[in-house]
C-alpha atoms as a PDB file:
ATOM      1  CA  MET A   1      -2.021  39.529  -0.838  1.00  0.00           C
ATOM      2  CA  PRO A   2      -4.879  37.902   1.126  1.00  0.00           C
ATOM      3  CA  VAL A   3      -8.362  38.155  -0.324  1.00  0.00           C
ATOM      4  CA  LYS A   4     -10.621  40.828   1.176  1.00  0.00           C
ATOM      5  CA  VAL A   5     -13.602  39.455   3.116  1.00  0.00           C
ATOM      6  CA  LYS A   6     -16.964  41.201   3.352  1.00  0.00           C
ATOM      7  CA  ILE A   7     -19.533  39.940   5.851  1.00  0.00           C
ATOM      8  CA  CYS A   8     -22.900  41.067   4.536  1.00  0.00           C
ATOM      9  CA  GLY A   9     -26.359  41.256   6.076  1.00  0.00           C
ATOM     10  CA  ILE A  10     -25.170  42.583   9.437  1.00  0.00           C
ATOM     11  CA  THR A  11     -28.190  43.345  11.640  1.00  0.00           C
ATOM     12  CA  ASN A  12     -26.747  43.715  15.146  1.00  0.00           C
ATOM     13  CA  LEU A  13     -23.692  45.025  16.970  1.00  0.00           C
ATOM     14  CA  ASN A  14     -22.724  41.626  18.396  1.00  0.00           C
ATOM     15  CA  ASP A  15     -22.266  40.118  14.923  1.00  0.00           C
ATOM     16  CA  ALA A  16     -20.520  43.251  13.664  1.00  0.00           C
ATOM     17  CA  VAL A  17     -17.951  43.259  16.475  1.00  0.00           C
ATOM     18  CA  ALA A  18     -17.323  39.522  16.101  1.00  0.00           C
ATOM     19  CA  ALA A  19     -16.757  39.905  12.349  1.00  0.00           C
ATOM     20  CA  VAL A  20     -14.208  42.666  12.955  1.00  0.00           C
ATOM     21  CA  ASP A  21     -12.466  40.658  15.698  1.00  0.00           C
ATOM     22  CA  PHE A  22     -12.220  37.648  13.358  1.00  0.00           C
ATOM     23  CA  GLY A  23     -10.527  39.752  10.675  1.00  0.00           C
ATOM     24  CA  ALA A  24     -13.279  40.847   8.271  1.00  0.00           C
ATOM     25  CA  ASP A  25     -12.294  43.750   6.023  1.00  0.00           C
ATOM     26  CA  ALA A  26     -15.803  45.062   5.359  1.00  0.00           C
ATOM     27  CA  LEU A  27     -19.324  44.822   6.746  1.00  0.00           C
ATOM     28  CA  GLY A  28     -22.452  45.064   4.636  1.00  0.00           C
ATOM     29  CA  PHE A  29     -25.708  46.712   5.758  1.00  0.00           C
ATOM     30  CA  VAL A  30     -28.836  46.079   3.692  1.00  0.00           C
ATOM     31  CA  PHE A  31     -31.144  49.055   3.082  1.00  0.00           C
ATOM     32  CA  PHE A  32     -33.609  47.112   0.912  1.00  0.00           C
ATOM     33  CA  LYS A  33     -36.902  46.869   2.787  1.00  0.00           C
ATOM     34  CA  GLU A  34     -37.936  43.555   1.236  1.00  0.00           C
ATOM     35  CA  SER A  35     -34.825  41.807   2.555  1.00  0.00           C
ATOM     36  CA  PRO A  36     -35.037  39.762   5.783  1.00  0.00           C
ATOM     37  CA  ARG A  37     -31.730  41.429   6.694  1.00  0.00           C
ATOM     38  CA  TYR A  38     -33.050  44.985   6.234  1.00  0.00           C
ATOM     39  CA  LEU A  39     -31.920  47.665   8.684  1.00  0.00           C
ATOM     40  CA  SER A  40     -33.238  51.192   9.057  1.00  0.00           C
ATOM     41  CA  ARG A  41     -30.728  54.002   8.750  1.00  0.00           C
ATOM     42  CA  ASN A  42     -31.051  54.589  12.520  1.00  0.00           C
ATOM     43  CA  GLU A  43     -30.204  50.970  13.327  1.00  0.00           C
ATOM     44  CA  ALA A  44     -27.304  50.839  10.859  1.00  0.00           C
ATOM     45  CA  GLY A  45     -25.964  54.207  11.985  1.00  0.00           C
ATOM     46  CA  ALA A  46     -25.885  53.111  15.622  1.00  0.00           C
ATOM     47  CA  ILE A  47     -23.864  49.994  14.746  1.00  0.00           C
ATOM     48  CA  ILE A  48     -21.484  51.860  12.431  1.00  0.00           C
ATOM     49  CA  ARG A  49     -20.731  54.529  15.030  1.00  0.00           C
ATOM     50  CA  SER A  50     -19.652  51.767  17.438  1.00  0.00           C
ATOM     51  CA  LEU A  51     -17.147  50.187  15.021  1.00  0.00           C
ATOM     52  CA  PRO A  52     -13.359  50.660  14.916  1.00  0.00           C
ATOM     53  CA  SER A  53     -12.083  53.319  12.524  1.00  0.00           C
ATOM     54  CA  PHE A  54     -10.352  51.053  10.012  1.00  0.00           C
ATOM     55  CA  ILE A  55     -13.264  48.803   9.043  1.00  0.00           C
ATOM     56  CA  THR A  56     -15.014  49.510   5.726  1.00  0.00           C
ATOM     57  CA  THR A  57     -18.799  49.791   5.842  1.00  0.00           C
ATOM     58  CA  VAL A  58     -20.909  49.033   2.767  1.00  0.00           C
ATOM     59  CA  GLY A  59     -24.529  50.044   2.200  1.00  0.00           C
ATOM     60  CA  VAL A  60     -26.513  47.685  -0.037  1.00  0.00           C
ATOM     61  CA  PHE A  61     -29.266  49.309  -2.132  1.00  0.00           C
ATOM     62  CA  VAL A  62     -31.719  47.961  -4.713  1.00  0.00           C
ATOM     63  CA  ASN A  63     -33.089  50.381  -7.335  1.00  0.00           C
ATOM     64  CA  GLU A  64     -33.081  53.194  -4.769  1.00  0.00           C
ATOM     65  CA  SER A  65     -33.219  56.872  -5.724  1.00  0.00           C
ATOM     66  CA  THR A  66     -29.975  58.852  -5.696  1.00  0.00           C
ATOM     67  CA  GLU A  67     -31.479  61.260  -3.172  1.00  0.00           C
ATOM     68  CA  SER A  68     -32.364  58.482  -0.748  1.00  0.00           C
ATOM     69  CA  ILE A  69     -28.931  56.872  -1.064  1.00  0.00           C
ATOM     70  CA  GLU A  70     -27.190  60.189  -0.398  1.00  0.00           C
ATOM     71  CA  GLU A  71     -29.395  60.820   2.659  1.00  0.00           C
ATOM     72  CA  ILE A  72     -28.463  57.422   4.115  1.00  0.00           C
ATOM     73  CA  ILE A  73     -24.764  58.028   3.334  1.00  0.00           C
ATOM     74  CA  LYS A  74     -24.910  61.326   5.203  1.00  0.00           C
ATOM     75  CA  PHE A  75     -26.822  59.890   8.165  1.00  0.00           C
ATOM     76  CA  THR A  76     -24.876  56.641   8.646  1.00  0.00           C
ATOM     77  CA  GLY A  77     -21.411  57.513   7.317  1.00  0.00           C
ATOM     78  CA  ILE A  78     -21.146  54.369   5.158  1.00  0.00           C
ATOM     79  CA  ASP A  79     -17.927  54.209   3.138  1.00  0.00           C
ATOM     80  CA  VAL A  80     -19.044  52.339   0.004  1.00  0.00           C
ATOM     81  CA  VAL A  81     -22.336  51.931  -1.885  1.00  0.00           C
ATOM     82  CA  GLN A  82     -23.281  48.540  -3.336  1.00  0.00           C
ATOM     83  CA  LEU A  83     -25.925  48.750  -6.064  1.00  0.00           C
ATOM     84  CA  HIS A  84     -27.674  45.382  -6.192  1.00  0.00           C
ATOM     85  CA  GLY A  85     -30.548  46.071  -8.579  1.00  0.00           C
ATOM     86  CA  ASP A  86     -30.961  47.070 -12.221  1.00  0.00           C
ATOM     87  CA  GLU A  87     -29.128  50.378 -11.873  1.00  0.00           C
ATOM     88  CA  LEU A  88     -27.747  51.815 -15.115  1.00  0.00           C
ATOM     89  CA  PRO A  89     -24.244  53.356 -15.328  1.00  0.00           C
ATOM     90  CA  ALA A  90     -25.723  56.853 -14.976  1.00  0.00           C
ATOM     91  CA  LYS A  91     -26.878  55.887 -11.455  1.00  0.00           C
ATOM     92  CA  CYS A  92     -23.267  55.343 -10.393  1.00  0.00           C
ATOM     93  CA  ASP A  93     -22.477  59.030  -9.916  1.00  0.00           C
ATOM     94  CA  LEU A  94     -22.578  59.167  -6.137  1.00  0.00           C
ATOM     95  CA  SER A  95     -20.474  60.669  -3.354  1.00  0.00           C
ATOM     96  CA  ARG A  96     -19.000  57.281  -2.410  1.00  0.00           C
ATOM     97  CA  ARG A  97     -17.165  54.489  -4.230  1.00  0.00           C
ATOM     98  CA  ILE A  98     -19.486  52.040  -5.944  1.00  0.00           C
ATOM     99  CA  ILE A  99     -19.661  48.249  -6.038  1.00  0.00           C
ATOM    100  CA  LYS A 100     -22.014  47.095  -8.805  1.00  0.00           C
ATOM    101  CA  ALA A 101     -23.608  43.712  -8.253  1.00  0.00           C
ATOM    102  CA  ILE A 102     -24.191  41.499 -11.297  1.00  0.00           C
ATOM    103  CA  ARG A 103     -26.390  38.400 -11.126  1.00  0.00           C
ATOM    104  CA  VAL A 104     -24.671  35.663 -13.123  1.00  0.00           C
ATOM    105  CA  LYS A 105     -26.610  33.128 -15.177  1.00  0.00           C
ATOM    106  CA  SER A 106     -24.172  32.517 -18.047  1.00  0.00           C
ATOM    107  CA  LEU A 107     -21.118  34.054 -19.703  1.00  0.00           C
ATOM    108  CA  GLU A 108     -23.447  36.546 -21.404  1.00  0.00           C
ATOM    109  CA  SER A 109     -24.250  37.963 -17.961  1.00  0.00           C
ATOM    110  CA  LEU A 110     -20.874  39.708 -18.115  1.00  0.00           C
ATOM    111  CA  ASP A 111     -21.770  41.756 -21.207  1.00  0.00           C
ATOM    112  CA  PRO A 112     -22.967  44.828 -19.242  1.00  0.00           C
ATOM    113  CA  LEU A 113     -19.754  45.062 -17.178  1.00  0.00           C
ATOM    114  CA  LYS A 114     -17.867  47.011 -19.839  1.00  0.00           C
ATOM    115  CA  ASN A 115     -20.384  49.859 -19.474  1.00  0.00           C
ATOM    116  CA  TYR A 116     -19.540  50.284 -15.782  1.00  0.00           C
ATOM    117  CA  THR A 117     -15.753  49.885 -15.883  1.00  0.00           C
ATOM    118  CA  TYR A 118     -14.908  53.539 -15.238  1.00  0.00           C
ATOM    119  CA  LYS A 119     -17.862  54.112 -12.917  1.00  0.00           C
ATOM    120  CA  VAL A 120     -17.287  51.526 -10.182  1.00  0.00           C
ATOM    121  CA  SER A 121     -14.461  50.367  -7.923  1.00  0.00           C
ATOM    122  CA  ALA A 122     -15.454  46.684  -8.075  1.00  0.00           C
ATOM    123  CA  PHE A 123     -18.039  44.225  -9.391  1.00  0.00           C
ATOM    124  CA  LEU A 124     -19.801  41.806  -7.071  1.00  0.00           C
ATOM    125  CA  LEU A 125     -20.835  38.613  -8.857  1.00  0.00           C
ATOM    126  CA  ASP A 126     -23.808  36.814  -7.337  1.00  0.00           C
ATOM    127  CA  THR A 127     -25.896  33.863  -8.473  1.00  0.00           C
ATOM    128  CA  TYR A 128     -28.890  34.592 -10.681  1.00  0.00           C
ATOM    129  CA  THR A 129     -32.225  33.237  -9.497  1.00  0.00           C
ATOM    130  CA  PRO A 130     -35.541  34.387 -10.979  1.00  0.00           C
ATOM    131  CA  HIS A 131     -37.217  35.666  -7.807  1.00  0.00           C
ATOM    132  CA  LYS A 132     -34.387  36.613  -5.444  1.00  0.00           C
ATOM    133  CA  LEU A 133     -31.797  39.384  -5.715  1.00  0.00           C
ATOM    134  CA  GLY A 134     -29.246  37.787  -3.390  1.00  0.00           C
ATOM    135  CA  GLY A 135     -28.744  35.574  -0.358  1.00  0.00           C
ATOM    136  CA  THR A 136     -29.762  32.500  -2.348  1.00  0.00           C
ATOM    137  CA  GLY A 137     -27.089  30.182  -0.951  1.00  0.00           C
ATOM    138  CA  GLN A 138     -26.406  28.935  -4.489  1.00  0.00           C
ATOM    139  CA  THR A 139     -23.112  29.021  -6.359  1.00  0.00           C
ATOM    140  CA  PHE A 140     -22.555  29.695 -10.067  1.00  0.00           C
ATOM    141  CA  ASN A 141     -19.851  28.660 -12.537  1.00  0.00           C
ATOM    142  CA  TRP A 142     -16.663  30.145 -11.094  1.00  0.00           C
ATOM    143  CA  ASP A 143     -14.963  30.081 -14.510  1.00  0.00           C
ATOM    144  CA  ILE A 144     -17.262  32.987 -15.411  1.00  0.00           C
ATOM    145  CA  ALA A 145     -15.978  34.921 -12.398  1.00  0.00           C
ATOM    146  CA  SER A 146     -12.409  34.335 -13.560  1.00  0.00           C
ATOM    147  CA  ASP A 147     -13.329  35.741 -16.998  1.00  0.00           C
ATOM    148  CA  ALA A 148     -14.901  38.795 -15.360  1.00  0.00           C
ATOM    149  CA  LYS A 149     -11.549  39.942 -13.959  1.00  0.00           C
ATOM    150  CA  GLN A 150     -10.739  41.537 -17.328  1.00  0.00           C
ATOM    151  CA  PHE A 151     -13.292  44.241 -16.437  1.00  0.00           C
ATOM    152  CA  GLY A 152     -11.895  45.173 -13.015  1.00  0.00           C
ATOM    153  CA  ARG A 153     -11.810  44.021  -9.391  1.00  0.00           C
ATOM    154  CA  ILE A 154     -14.118  41.099  -8.696  1.00  0.00           C
ATOM    155  CA  ILE A 155     -15.869  40.290  -5.423  1.00  0.00           C
ATOM    156  CA  LEU A 156     -17.142  36.719  -5.493  1.00  0.00           C
ATOM    157  CA  ALA A 157     -20.496  35.964  -3.837  1.00  0.00           C
ATOM    158  CA  GLY A 158     -23.229  33.384  -4.160  1.00  0.00           C
ATOM    159  CA  GLY A 159     -23.393  30.193  -2.105  1.00  0.00           C
ATOM    160  CA  LEU A 160     -20.050  30.620  -0.352  1.00  0.00           C
ATOM    161  CA  THR A 161     -19.588  28.724   2.926  1.00  0.00           C
ATOM    162  CA  PRO A 162     -16.716  27.694   5.199  1.00  0.00           C
ATOM    163  CA  ASP A 163     -16.692  24.380   3.300  1.00  0.00           C
ATOM    164  CA  ASN A 164     -16.112  25.798  -0.204  1.00  0.00           C
ATOM    165  CA  ILE A 165     -14.452  29.179   0.353  1.00  0.00           C
ATOM    166  CA  ALA A 166     -10.846  27.953   0.077  1.00  0.00           C
ATOM    167  CA  GLU A 167     -11.597  26.209  -3.224  1.00  0.00           C
ATOM    168  CA  ALA A 168     -13.424  29.296  -4.502  1.00  0.00           C
ATOM    169  CA  VAL A 169     -10.531  31.628  -3.707  1.00  0.00           C
ATOM    170  CA  ARG A 170      -7.956  29.312  -5.273  1.00  0.00           C
ATOM    171  CA  HIS A 171     -10.105  28.858  -8.395  1.00  0.00           C
ATOM    172  CA  VAL A 172     -11.030  32.513  -9.027  1.00  0.00           C
ATOM    173  CA  ARG A 173      -8.375  34.489  -7.132  1.00  0.00           C
ATOM    174  CA  PRO A 174     -10.830  37.373  -6.682  1.00  0.00           C
ATOM    175  CA  TYR A 175     -10.114  40.739  -5.116  1.00  0.00           C
ATOM    176  CA  GLY A 176     -12.694  39.941  -2.454  1.00  0.00           C
ATOM    177  CA  VAL A 177     -15.373  37.517  -1.294  1.00  0.00           C
ATOM    178  CA  ASP A 178     -18.803  38.226   0.150  1.00  0.00           C
ATOM    179  CA  VAL A 179     -20.862  35.991   2.435  1.00  0.00           C
ATOM    180  CA  SER A 180     -24.214  36.321   4.163  1.00  0.00           C
ATOM    181  CA  SER A 181     -26.505  33.274   4.272  1.00  0.00           C
ATOM    182  CA  GLY A 182     -23.572  30.819   4.249  1.00  0.00           C
ATOM    183  CA  ILE A 183     -22.621  31.728   7.825  1.00  0.00           C
ATOM    184  CA  GLU A 184     -26.022  32.286   9.413  1.00  0.00           C
ATOM    185  CA  LEU A 185     -27.845  30.567  12.267  1.00  0.00           C
ATOM    186  CA  GLU A 186     -31.018  32.133  10.885  1.00  0.00           C
ATOM    187  CA  LYS A 187     -31.744  35.014   8.519  1.00  0.00           C
ATOM    188  CA  GLY A 188     -30.035  38.113   9.950  1.00  0.00           C
ATOM    189  CA  LYS A 189     -28.139  36.325  12.745  1.00  0.00           C
ATOM    190  CA  LYS A 190     -24.609  35.038  12.193  1.00  0.00           C
ATOM    191  CA  ASP A 191     -23.103  31.776  13.406  1.00  0.00           C
ATOM    192  CA  HIS A 192     -19.858  33.039  14.940  1.00  0.00           C
ATOM    193  CA  LYS A 193     -18.027  29.712  14.598  1.00  0.00           C
ATOM    194  CA  LYS A 194     -18.848  29.545  10.897  1.00  0.00           C
ATOM    195  CA  MET A 195     -17.967  33.208  10.433  1.00  0.00           C
ATOM    196  CA  LYS A 196     -14.549  32.769  12.066  1.00  0.00           C
ATOM    197  CA  LEU A 197     -13.849  29.644  10.022  1.00  0.00           C
ATOM    198  CA  PHE A 198     -14.940  31.336   6.793  1.00  0.00           C
ATOM    199  CA  ILE A 199     -12.638  34.327   7.309  1.00  0.00           C
ATOM    200  CA  GLU A 200      -9.670  32.174   8.340  1.00  0.00           C
ATOM    201  CA  ARG A 201     -10.013  29.837   5.352  1.00  0.00           C
ATOM    202  CA  ALA A 202     -10.526  32.683   2.894  1.00  0.00           C
ATOM    203  CA  LYS A 203      -7.411  34.520   4.101  1.00  0.00           C
ATOM    204  CA  ARG A 204      -5.270  31.359   4.060  1.00  0.00           C
ATOM    205  CA  ALA A 205      -6.347  30.141   0.603  1.00  0.00           C
END
């Protein structure tokens, strides 16, 4: 079964439509105000309402209150919530399926996963850097991602590009892959040639 591909950091309808046309399975919308790819709920809602019915939409949140997340869910109609901060398992009781992001530094970074196993539908593994929560453009040791599969579905992120995605998929065989900065012209604007190539190579690997 081909790997699922999530294009994250969508900020405009043009990129969203292109991602869907190229075969993306999911689109990510960032509701973290400190991100250069941040969208308001009005902006995200307008894009989401213009999308085809069978594309999955993911809202990315960082240490946001449950009330705020539920308000954005209701307003935009996002399908899945991605928690990308320091959220504890108790924060995973929401009205949508949850992806919990884990920032990987070493094998010990996987220790918390067992506490979330029955709370989330997948884990997204991203590269740990001291001052950034994501979009670093840096990879981590993919052997750790392979080990993480014992805890549930794994979505591989962190430094993925059209040049390394096939190798990454063959090495880890994850449930899904996630890309943002690796296919951008500039922060928040996608390079459509790179995006098409990324999706094609991920699905073929």
